[in-house]
Amino acid sequence: MDWHILIAPLIGVVIILLLVNLLSLPWWLLKNSLIGAIMLYIINFTGIITIKITFIHCLIAGVFGIPGVIGLFIYLNFLK
């Protein structure tokens, strides 16, 4: 039995899975950054703290949630 018959379909499946994951990555980032923007807008609206709404700040808030917002607040107000 030739090993190409066994290996070629496996490599094809791996390549297809990698492409699907790479193409779905931007949608995941956009969704999380939108959630982060909403969180930052609500926090800024309450007036408790003020964090400038940028794509990076929204992404951090969307991916890490409330701990990310707290980390942003500490970084922007005390460490920067």
Protein backbone atom coordinates (compact mmCIF):
# COMPACT_ATOMS: atom_id res chain seq x y z
CA MET A 1 0.00 0.00 0.00
CA ASP A 2 1.29 3.41 -0.93
CA TRP A 3 1.59 5.87 1.94
CA HIS A 4 0.42 8.79 -0.27
CA ILE A 5 -3.08 7.32 -0.31
CA LEU A 6 -3.24 7.54 3.49
CA ILE A 7 -1.42 10.82 4.09
CA ALA A 8 -2.90 13.04 1.34
CA PRO A 9 -6.50 13.08 2.69
CA LEU A 10 -5.24 13.78 6.22
CA ILE A 11 -3.15 16.73 5.02
CA GLY A 12 -6.14 18.01 3.04
CA VAL A 13 -8.41 17.88 6.10
CA VAL A 14 -5.80 19.68 8.22
CA ILE A 15 -5.41 22.42 5.59
CA ILE A 16 -9.19 22.89 5.33
CA LEU A 17 -9.55 23.10 9.13
CA LEU A 18 -6.76 25.68 9.32
CA LEU A 19 -8.35 27.80 6.60
CA VAL A 20 -11.76 27.68 8.28
CA ASN A 21 -10.22 28.74 11.60
CA LEU A 22 -8.24 31.56 10.01
CA LEU A 23 -11.26 32.88 8.13
CA SER A 24 -13.46 32.81 11.23
CA LEU A 25 -10.91 34.68 13.35
CA PRO A 26 -11.79 38.23 12.17
CA TRP A 27 -15.49 37.71 12.94
CA TRP A 28 -14.58 36.59 16.44
CA LEU A 29 -12.44 39.69 16.92
CA LEU A 30 -15.13 42.00 15.59
CA LYS A 31 -17.80 40.43 17.80
CA ASN A 32 -15.66 40.73 20.93
CA SER A 33 -14.60 44.29 20.12
CA LEU A 34 -18.26 45.26 19.66
CA ILE A 35 -19.11 43.77 23.05
CA GLY A 36 -16.12 45.60 24.56
CA ALA A 37 -17.23 48.88 22.98
CA ILE A 38 -20.69 48.48 24.50
CA MET A 39 -19.15 47.74 27.90
CA LEU A 40 -16.85 50.78 27.69
CA TYR A 41 -19.71 53.00 26.53
CA ILE A 42 -21.85 51.94 29.50
CA ILE A 43 -18.96 52.48 31.91
CA ASN A 44 -18.23 55.91 30.42
CA PHE A 45 -21.93 56.81 30.50
CA THR A 46 -22.18 56.12 34.25
CA GLY A 47 -19.30 58.50 34.90
CA ILE A 48 -17.56 56.26 37.42
CA ILE A 49 -14.44 55.99 35.29
CA THR A 50 -13.54 57.26 31.84
CA ILE A 51 -11.71 55.10 29.30
CA LYS A 52 -11.17 56.30 25.75
CA ILE A 53 -12.98 54.02 23.29
CA THR A 54 -10.48 52.71 20.73
CA PHE A 55 -10.36 49.42 18.84
CA ILE A 56 -7.57 48.07 21.07
CA HIS A 57 -9.37 49.08 24.27
CA CYS A 58 -12.61 47.54 22.98
CA LEU A 59 -10.80 44.34 22.06
CA ILE A 60 -9.17 44.09 25.49
CA ALA A 61 -12.51 44.73 27.21
CA GLY A 62 -14.29 42.24 24.95
CA VAL A 63 -11.78 39.43 25.33
CA PHE A 64 -10.99 39.80 29.04
CA GLY A 65 -14.30 41.23 30.28
CA ILE A 66 -14.47 43.19 33.53
CA PRO A 67 -10.90 42.26 34.59
CA GLY A 68 -9.74 43.70 31.25
CA VAL A 69 -11.60 46.95 31.93
CA ILE A 70 -10.06 47.14 35.40
CA GLY A 71 -6.62 46.47 33.91
CA LEU A 72 -7.17 49.20 31.31
CA PHE A 73 -8.23 51.64 34.02
CA ILE A 74 -5.16 50.87 36.12
CA TYR A 75 -2.84 51.07 33.12
CA LEU A 76 -4.25 54.30 31.71
CA ASN A 77 -4.54 56.16 35.02
CA PHE A 78 -1.68 54.91 37.16
CA LEU A 79 1.00 53.24 35.03
CA LYS A 80 1.03 55.38 31.91
